[in-house]
Amino acid sequence: MGDMNAADFDPIDEQNLEVQEGHPVKLVVSVELDGEESQLVAELAQAEGTDPAGTLRAALRYYAAARAQRVSH
């Protein structure tokens, strides 16, 4: 089987995503980054010793923690 990329998959309707409470879920996210954003993710991943997915997961956790801190003040 050849290489797959996000363009090979049917687009999803982001407005109709459903999460059932009480059930762990996995969410696969496909985000098109421009060249500058893609390079930034690659550079951050290399600097952190991780991969792009790990970098984006860390960024999400960091954003959530910073947001929670702003809301609590």
PDB file of N, CA and C in Angstrom:
ATOM      1  N   MET A   1       0.854  -1.183   0.000  1.00  0.00           N
ATOM      2  CA  MET A   1       0.000   0.000   0.000  1.00  0.00           C
ATOM      3  C   MET A   1       0.892   1.235   0.000  1.00  0.00           C
ATOM      4  N   GLY A   2       0.544   2.245  -0.758  1.00  0.00           N
ATOM      5  CA  GLY A   2       1.339   3.458  -0.858  1.00  0.00           C
ATOM      6  C   GLY A   2       1.177   4.354   0.347  1.00  0.00           C
ATOM      7  N   ASP A   3       1.917   5.433   0.343  1.00  0.00           N
ATOM      8  CA  ASP A   3       1.815   6.404   1.431  1.00  0.00           C
ATOM      9  C   ASP A   3       0.444   7.057   1.426  1.00  0.00           C
ATOM     10  N   MET A   4      -0.069   7.302   2.624  1.00  0.00           N
ATOM     11  CA  MET A   4      -1.366   7.962   2.768  1.00  0.00           C
ATOM     12  C   MET A   4      -1.133   9.348   3.339  1.00  0.00           C
ATOM     13  N   ASN A   5      -1.974  10.271   2.964  1.00  0.00           N
ATOM     14  CA  ASN A   5      -1.927  11.587   3.590  1.00  0.00           C
ATOM     15  C   ASN A   5      -3.347  12.064   3.822  1.00  0.00           C
ATOM     16  N   ALA A   6      -3.464  13.169   4.521  1.00  0.00           N
ATOM     17  CA  ALA A   6      -4.787  13.657   4.924  1.00  0.00           C
ATOM     18  C   ALA A   6      -5.704  13.888   3.731  1.00  0.00           C
ATOM     19  N   ALA A   7      -5.151  14.263   2.590  1.00  0.00           N
ATOM     20  CA  ALA A   7      -5.974  14.532   1.418  1.00  0.00           C
ATOM     21  C   ALA A   7      -6.643  13.265   0.894  1.00  0.00           C
ATOM     22  N   ASP A   8      -6.141  12.082   1.277  1.00  0.00           N
ATOM     23  CA  ASP A   8      -6.711  10.823   0.820  1.00  0.00           C
ATOM     24  C   ASP A   8      -7.998  10.455   1.554  1.00  0.00           C
ATOM     25  N   PHE A   9      -8.286  11.104   2.649  1.00  0.00           N
ATOM     26  CA  PHE A   9      -9.460  10.800   3.455  1.00  0.00           C
ATOM     27  C   PHE A   9     -10.593  11.755   3.137  1.00  0.00           C
ATOM     28  N   ASP A  10     -11.806  11.247   3.290  1.00  0.00           N
ATOM     29  CA  ASP A  10     -12.966  12.106   3.082  1.00  0.00           C
ATOM     30  C   ASP A  10     -13.005  13.175   4.156  1.00  0.00           C
ATOM     31  N   PRO A  11     -13.379  14.394   3.789  1.00  0.00           N
ATOM     32  CA  PRO A  11     -13.497  15.438   4.809  1.00  0.00           C
ATOM     33  C   PRO A  11     -14.619  15.099   5.786  1.00  0.00           C
ATOM     34  N   ILE A  12     -14.457  15.550   7.024  1.00  0.00           N
ATOM     35  CA  ILE A  12     -15.505  15.325   8.015  1.00  0.00           C
ATOM     36  C   ILE A  12     -16.201  16.646   8.292  1.00  0.00           C
ATOM     37  N   ASP A  13     -17.387  16.536   8.792  1.00  0.00           N
ATOM     38  CA  ASP A  13     -18.156  17.720   9.156  1.00  0.00           C
ATOM     39  C   ASP A  13     -17.872  18.020  10.618  1.00  0.00           C
ATOM     40  N   GLU A  14     -16.992  19.002  10.865  1.00  0.00           N
ATOM     41  CA  GLU A  14     -16.576  19.311  12.227  1.00  0.00           C
ATOM     42  C   GLU A  14     -17.735  19.737  13.113  1.00  0.00           C
ATOM     43  N   GLN A  15     -18.806  20.224  12.530  1.00  0.00           N
ATOM     44  CA  GLN A  15     -19.942  20.686  13.317  1.00  0.00           C
ATOM     45  C   GLN A  15     -20.736  19.515  13.897  1.00  0.00           C
ATOM     46  N   ASN A  16     -20.546  18.326  13.378  1.00  0.00           N
ATOM     47  CA  ASN A  16     -21.344  17.181  13.810  1.00  0.00           C
ATOM     48  C   ASN A  16     -20.546  16.131  14.561  1.00  0.00           C
ATOM     49  N   LEU A  17     -19.376  16.499  15.076  1.00  0.00           N
ATOM     50  CA  LEU A  17     -18.617  15.557  15.893  1.00  0.00           C
ATOM     51  C   LEU A  17     -19.366  15.317  17.196  1.00  0.00           C
ATOM     52  N   GLU A  18     -19.439  14.071  17.607  1.00  0.00           N
ATOM     53  CA  GLU A  18     -20.143  13.740  18.836  1.00  0.00           C
ATOM     54  C   GLU A  18     -19.215  12.980  19.768  1.00  0.00           C
ATOM     55  N   VAL A  19     -19.289  13.289  21.044  1.00  0.00           N
ATOM     56  CA  VAL A  19     -18.544  12.561  22.063  1.00  0.00           C
ATOM     57  C   VAL A  19     -19.554  12.067  23.078  1.00  0.00           C
ATOM     58  N   GLN A  20     -19.536  10.772  23.338  1.00  0.00           N
ATOM     59  CA  GLN A  20     -20.449  10.207  24.318  1.00  0.00           C
ATOM     60  C   GLN A  20     -19.778  10.232  25.674  1.00  0.00           C
ATOM     61  N   GLU A  21     -20.432  10.848  26.644  1.00  0.00           N
ATOM     62  CA  GLU A  21     -19.862  10.935  27.985  1.00  0.00           C
ATOM     63  C   GLU A  21     -19.634   9.546  28.562  1.00  0.00           C
ATOM     64  N   GLY A  22     -18.529   9.428  29.298  1.00  0.00           N
ATOM     65  CA  GLY A  22     -18.230   8.182  29.963  1.00  0.00           C
ATOM     66  C   GLY A  22     -17.437   7.202  29.121  1.00  0.00           C
ATOM     67  N   HIS A  23     -17.219   7.510  27.872  1.00  0.00           N
ATOM     68  CA  HIS A  23     -16.473   6.617  26.999  1.00  0.00           C
ATOM     69  C   HIS A  23     -15.205   7.320  26.541  1.00  0.00           C
ATOM     70  N   PRO A  24     -14.042   6.698  26.784  1.00  0.00           N
ATOM     71  CA  PRO A  24     -12.821   7.313  26.281  1.00  0.00           C
ATOM     72  C   PRO A  24     -12.863   7.343  24.749  1.00  0.00           C
ATOM     73  N   VAL A  25     -12.428   8.426  24.196  1.00  0.00           N
ATOM     74  CA  VAL A  25     -12.451   8.570  22.746  1.00  0.00           C
ATOM     75  C   VAL A  25     -11.089   9.011  22.245  1.00  0.00           C
ATOM     76  N   LYS A  26     -10.836   8.708  21.012  1.00  0.00           N
ATOM     77  CA  LYS A  26      -9.659   9.225  20.331  1.00  0.00           C
ATOM     78  C   LYS A  26     -10.164  10.135  19.232  1.00  0.00           C
ATOM     79  N   LEU A  27      -9.523  11.259  19.078  1.00  0.00           N
ATOM     80  CA  LEU A  27      -9.905  12.201  18.042  1.00  0.00           C
ATOM     81  C   LEU A  27      -8.717  12.368  17.112  1.00  0.00           C
ATOM     82  N   VAL A  28      -8.914  12.082  15.859  1.00  0.00           N
ATOM     83  CA  VAL A  28      -7.870  12.274  14.867  1.00  0.00           C
ATOM     84  C   VAL A  28      -8.113  13.622  14.215  1.00  0.00           C
ATOM     85  N   VAL A  29      -7.103  14.477  14.284  1.00  0.00           N
ATOM     86  CA  VAL A  29      -7.242  15.831  13.772  1.00  0.00           C
ATOM     87  C   VAL A  29      -6.343  16.004  12.560  1.00  0.00           C
ATOM     88  N   SER A  30      -6.896  16.525  11.522  1.00  0.00           N
ATOM     89  CA  SER A  30      -6.118  16.843  10.327  1.00  0.00           C
ATOM     90  C   SER A  30      -6.155  18.357  10.155  1.00  0.00           C
ATOM     91  N   VAL A  31      -4.985  18.982  10.271  1.00  0.00           N
ATOM     92  CA  VAL A  31      -4.900  20.432  10.163  1.00  0.00           C
ATOM     93  C   VAL A  31      -3.865  20.763   9.096  1.00  0.00           C
ATOM     94  N   GLU A  32      -4.260  21.556   8.139  1.00  0.00           N
ATOM     95  CA  GLU A  32      -3.317  21.966   7.107  1.00  0.00           C
ATOM     96  C   GLU A  32      -2.514  23.152   7.610  1.00  0.00           C
ATOM     97  N   LEU A  33      -1.199  22.976   7.742  1.00  0.00           N
ATOM     98  CA  LEU A  33      -0.316  24.045   8.185  1.00  0.00           C
ATOM     99  C   LEU A  33       0.376  24.645   6.969  1.00  0.00           C
ATOM    100  N   ASP A  34       0.589  25.950   7.011  1.00  0.00           N
ATOM    101  CA  ASP A  34       1.362  26.549   5.927  1.00  0.00           C
ATOM    102  C   ASP A  34       2.840  26.227   6.150  1.00  0.00           C
ATOM    103  N   GLY A  35       3.678  26.612   5.227  1.00  0.00           N
ATOM    104  CA  GLY A  35       5.096  26.282   5.303  1.00  0.00           C
ATOM    105  C   GLY A  35       5.765  26.793   6.559  1.00  0.00           C
ATOM    106  N   GLU A  36       5.440  28.014   6.967  1.00  0.00           N
ATOM    107  CA  GLU A  36       6.039  28.607   8.168  1.00  0.00           C
ATOM    108  C   GLU A  36       5.610  27.848   9.423  1.00  0.00           C
ATOM    109  N   GLU A  37       4.321  27.525   9.505  1.00  0.00           N
ATOM    110  CA  GLU A  37       3.811  26.782  10.669  1.00  0.00           C
ATOM    111  C   GLU A  37       4.401  25.379  10.721  1.00  0.00           C
ATOM    112  N   SER A  38       4.485  24.736   9.580  1.00  0.00           N
ATOM    113  CA  SER A  38       5.055  23.392   9.503  1.00  0.00           C
ATOM    114  C   SER A  38       6.513  23.394   9.939  1.00  0.00           C
ATOM    115  N   GLN A  39       7.267  24.384   9.495  1.00  0.00           N
ATOM    116  CA  GLN A  39       8.673  24.492   9.883  1.00  0.00           C
ATOM    117  C   GLN A  39       8.792  24.737  11.383  1.00  0.00           C
ATOM    118  N   LEU A  40       7.929  25.582  11.927  1.00  0.00           N
ATOM    119  CA  LEU A  40       7.947  25.874  13.358  1.00  0.00           C
ATOM    120  C   LEU A  40       7.687  24.608  14.176  1.00  0.00           C
ATOM    121  N   VAL A  41       6.695  23.818  13.776  1.00  0.00           N
ATOM    122  CA  VAL A  41       6.401  22.578  14.488  1.00  0.00           C
ATOM    123  C   VAL A  41       7.599  21.637  14.419  1.00  0.00           C
ATOM    124  N   ALA A  42       8.218  21.524  13.249  1.00  0.00           N
ATOM    125  CA  ALA A  42       9.382  20.647  13.091  1.00  0.00           C
ATOM    126  C   ALA A  42      10.537  21.109  13.972  1.00  0.00           C
ATOM    127  N   GLU A  43      10.779  22.417  14.015  1.00  0.00           N
ATOM    128  CA  GLU A  43      11.867  22.956  14.838  1.00  0.00           C
ATOM    129  C   GLU A  43      11.608  22.735  16.320  1.00  0.00           C
ATOM    130  N   LEU A  44      10.376  22.960  16.759  1.00  0.00           N
ATOM    131  CA  LEU A  44      10.031  22.748  18.162  1.00  0.00           C
ATOM    132  C   LEU A  44      10.152  21.271  18.536  1.00  0.00           C
ATOM    133  N   ALA A  45       9.700  20.392  17.658  1.00  0.00           N
ATOM    134  CA  ALA A  45       9.793  18.958  17.923  1.00  0.00           C
ATOM    135  C   ALA A  45      11.246  18.540  18.073  1.00  0.00           C
ATOM    136  N   GLN A  46      12.102  19.031  17.189  1.00  0.00           N
ATOM    137  CA  GLN A  46      13.517  18.686  17.258  1.00  0.00           C
ATOM    138  C   GLN A  46      14.133  19.213  18.555  1.00  0.00           C
ATOM    139  N   ALA A  47      13.803  20.446  18.916  1.00  0.00           N
ATOM    140  CA  ALA A  47      14.351  21.056  20.128  1.00  0.00           C
ATOM    141  C   ALA A  47      13.896  20.315  21.384  1.00  0.00           C
ATOM    142  N   GLU A  48      12.676  19.781  21.362  1.00  0.00           N
ATOM    143  CA  GLU A  48      12.119  19.076  22.517  1.00  0.00           C
ATOM    144  C   GLU A  48      12.431  17.592  22.503  1.00  0.00           C
ATOM    145  N   GLY A  49      13.010  17.092  21.425  1.00  0.00           N
ATOM    146  CA  GLY A  49      13.315  15.671  21.324  1.00  0.00           C
ATOM    147  C   GLY A  49      12.088  14.806  21.162  1.00  0.00           C
ATOM    148  N   THR A  50      11.107  15.317  20.463  1.00  0.00           N
ATOM    149  CA  THR A  50       9.866  14.577  20.255  1.00  0.00           C
ATOM    150  C   THR A  50       9.508  14.625  18.777  1.00  0.00           C
ATOM    151  N   ASP A  51       8.299  14.239  18.454  1.00  0.00           N
ATOM    152  CA  ASP A  51       7.838  14.314  17.074  1.00  0.00           C
ATOM    153  C   ASP A  51       6.772  15.403  16.963  1.00  0.00           C
ATOM    154  N   PRO A  52       6.349  15.750  15.736  1.00  0.00           N
ATOM    155  CA  PRO A  52       5.345  16.814  15.589  1.00  0.00           C
ATOM    156  C   PRO A  52       4.059  16.548  16.376  1.00  0.00           C
ATOM    157  N   ALA A  53       3.584  15.310  16.395  1.00  0.00           N
ATOM    158  CA  ALA A  53       2.355  15.008  17.146  1.00  0.00           C
ATOM    159  C   ALA A  53       2.558  15.252  18.634  1.00  0.00           C
ATOM    160  N   GLY A  54       3.707  14.846  19.169  1.00  0.00           N
ATOM    161  CA  GLY A  54       4.008  15.082  20.581  1.00  0.00           C
ATOM    162  C   GLY A  54       4.092  16.558  20.895  1.00  0.00           C
ATOM    163  N   THR A  55       4.647  17.312  19.976  1.00  0.00           N
ATOM    164  CA  THR A  55       4.751  18.768  20.155  1.00  0.00           C
ATOM    165  C   THR A  55       3.371  19.403  20.194  1.00  0.00           C
ATOM    166  N   LEU A  56       2.483  18.990  19.292  1.00  0.00           N
ATOM    167  CA  LEU A  56       1.133  19.557  19.270  1.00  0.00           C
ATOM    168  C   LEU A  56       0.331  19.130  20.490  1.00  0.00           C
ATOM    169  N   ARG A  57       0.542  17.900  20.970  1.00  0.00           N
ATOM    170  CA  ARG A  57      -0.137  17.473  22.207  1.00  0.00           C
ATOM    171  C   ARG A  57       0.338  18.312  23.392  1.00  0.00           C
ATOM    172  N   ALA A  58       1.649  18.552  23.464  1.00  0.00           N
ATOM    173  CA  ALA A  58       2.196  19.371  24.549  1.00  0.00           C
ATOM    174  C   ALA A  58       1.647  20.798  24.463  1.00  0.00           C
ATOM    175  N   ALA A  59       1.546  21.325  23.253  1.00  0.00           N
ATOM    176  CA  ALA A  59       1.009  22.672  23.076  1.00  0.00           C
ATOM    177  C   ALA A  59      -0.442  22.755  23.545  1.00  0.00           C
ATOM    178  N   LEU A  60      -1.221  21.720  23.278  1.00  0.00           N
ATOM    179  CA  LEU A  60      -2.617  21.684  23.726  1.00  0.00           C
ATOM    180  C   LEU A  60      -2.702  21.670  25.244  1.00  0.00           C
ATOM    181  N   ARG A  61      -1.863  20.836  25.887  1.00  0.00           N
ATOM    182  CA  ARG A  61      -1.858  20.788  27.354  1.00  0.00           C
ATOM    183  C   ARG A  61      -1.416  22.131  27.942  1.00  0.00           C
ATOM    184  N   TYR A  62      -0.405  22.744  27.353  1.00  0.00           N
ATOM    185  CA  TYR A  62       0.083  24.040  27.812  1.00  0.00           C
ATOM    186  C   TYR A  62      -1.013  25.101  27.678  1.00  0.00           C
ATOM    187  N   TYR A  63      -1.688  25.118  26.552  1.00  0.00           N
ATOM    188  CA  TYR A  63      -2.770  26.076  26.319  1.00  0.00           C
ATOM    189  C   TYR A  63      -3.890  25.884  27.342  1.00  0.00           C
ATOM    190  N   ALA A  64      -4.263  24.635  27.588  1.00  0.00           N
ATOM    191  CA  ALA A  64      -5.336  24.352  28.548  1.00  0.00           C
ATOM    192  C   ALA A  64      -4.942  24.805  29.949  1.00  0.00           C
ATOM    193  N   ALA A  65      -3.698  24.559  30.357  1.00  0.00           N
ATOM    194  CA  ALA A  65      -3.234  24.964  31.679  1.00  0.00           C
ATOM    195  C   ALA A  65      -3.197  26.482  31.798  1.00  0.00           C
ATOM    196  N   ALA A  66      -2.707  27.157  30.764  1.00  0.00           N
ATOM    197  CA  ALA A  66      -2.653  28.628  30.781  1.00  0.00           C
ATOM    198  C   ALA A  66      -4.060  29.215  30.810  1.00  0.00           C
ATOM    199  N   ARG A  67      -4.972  28.622  30.084  1.00  0.00           N
ATOM    200  CA  ARG A  67      -6.364  29.100  30.047  1.00  0.00           C
ATOM    201  C   ARG A  67      -7.018  28.912  31.412  1.00  0.00           C
ATOM    202  N   ALA A  68      -6.796  27.757  32.030  1.00  0.00           N
ATOM    203  CA  ALA A  68      -7.365  27.486  33.348  1.00  0.00           C
ATOM    204  C   ALA A  68      -6.839  28.490  34.368  1.00  0.00           C
ATOM    205  N   GLN A  69      -5.581  28.831  34.252  1.00  0.00           N
ATOM    206  CA  GLN A  69      -4.994  29.807  35.182  1.00  0.00           C
ATOM    207  C   GLN A  69      -5.626  31.189  34.969  1.00  0.00           C
ATOM    208  N   ARG A  70      -5.847  31.569  33.723  1.00  0.00           N
ATOM    209  CA  ARG A  70      -6.469  32.882  33.432  1.00  0.00           C
ATOM    210  C   ARG A  70      -7.888  32.925  33.964  1.00  0.00           C
ATOM    211  N   VAL A  71      -8.625  31.840  33.794  1.00  0.00           N
ATOM    212  CA  VAL A  71     -10.034  31.779  34.213  1.00  0.00           C
ATOM    213  C   VAL A  71     -10.136  31.823  35.739  1.00  0.00           C
ATOM    214  N   SER A  72      -9.168  31.228  36.434  1.00  0.00           N
ATOM    215  CA  SER A  72      -9.256  31.152  37.892  1.00  0.00           C
ATOM    216  C   SER A  72      -8.855  32.450  38.588  1.00  0.00           C
ATOM    217  N   HIS A  73      -8.304  33.394  37.848  1.00  0.00           N
ATOM    218  CA  HIS A  73      -7.919  34.672  38.469  1.00  0.00           C
ATOM    219  C   HIS A  73      -8.955  35.734  38.298  1.00  0.00           C
TER     220      HIS A  73
END
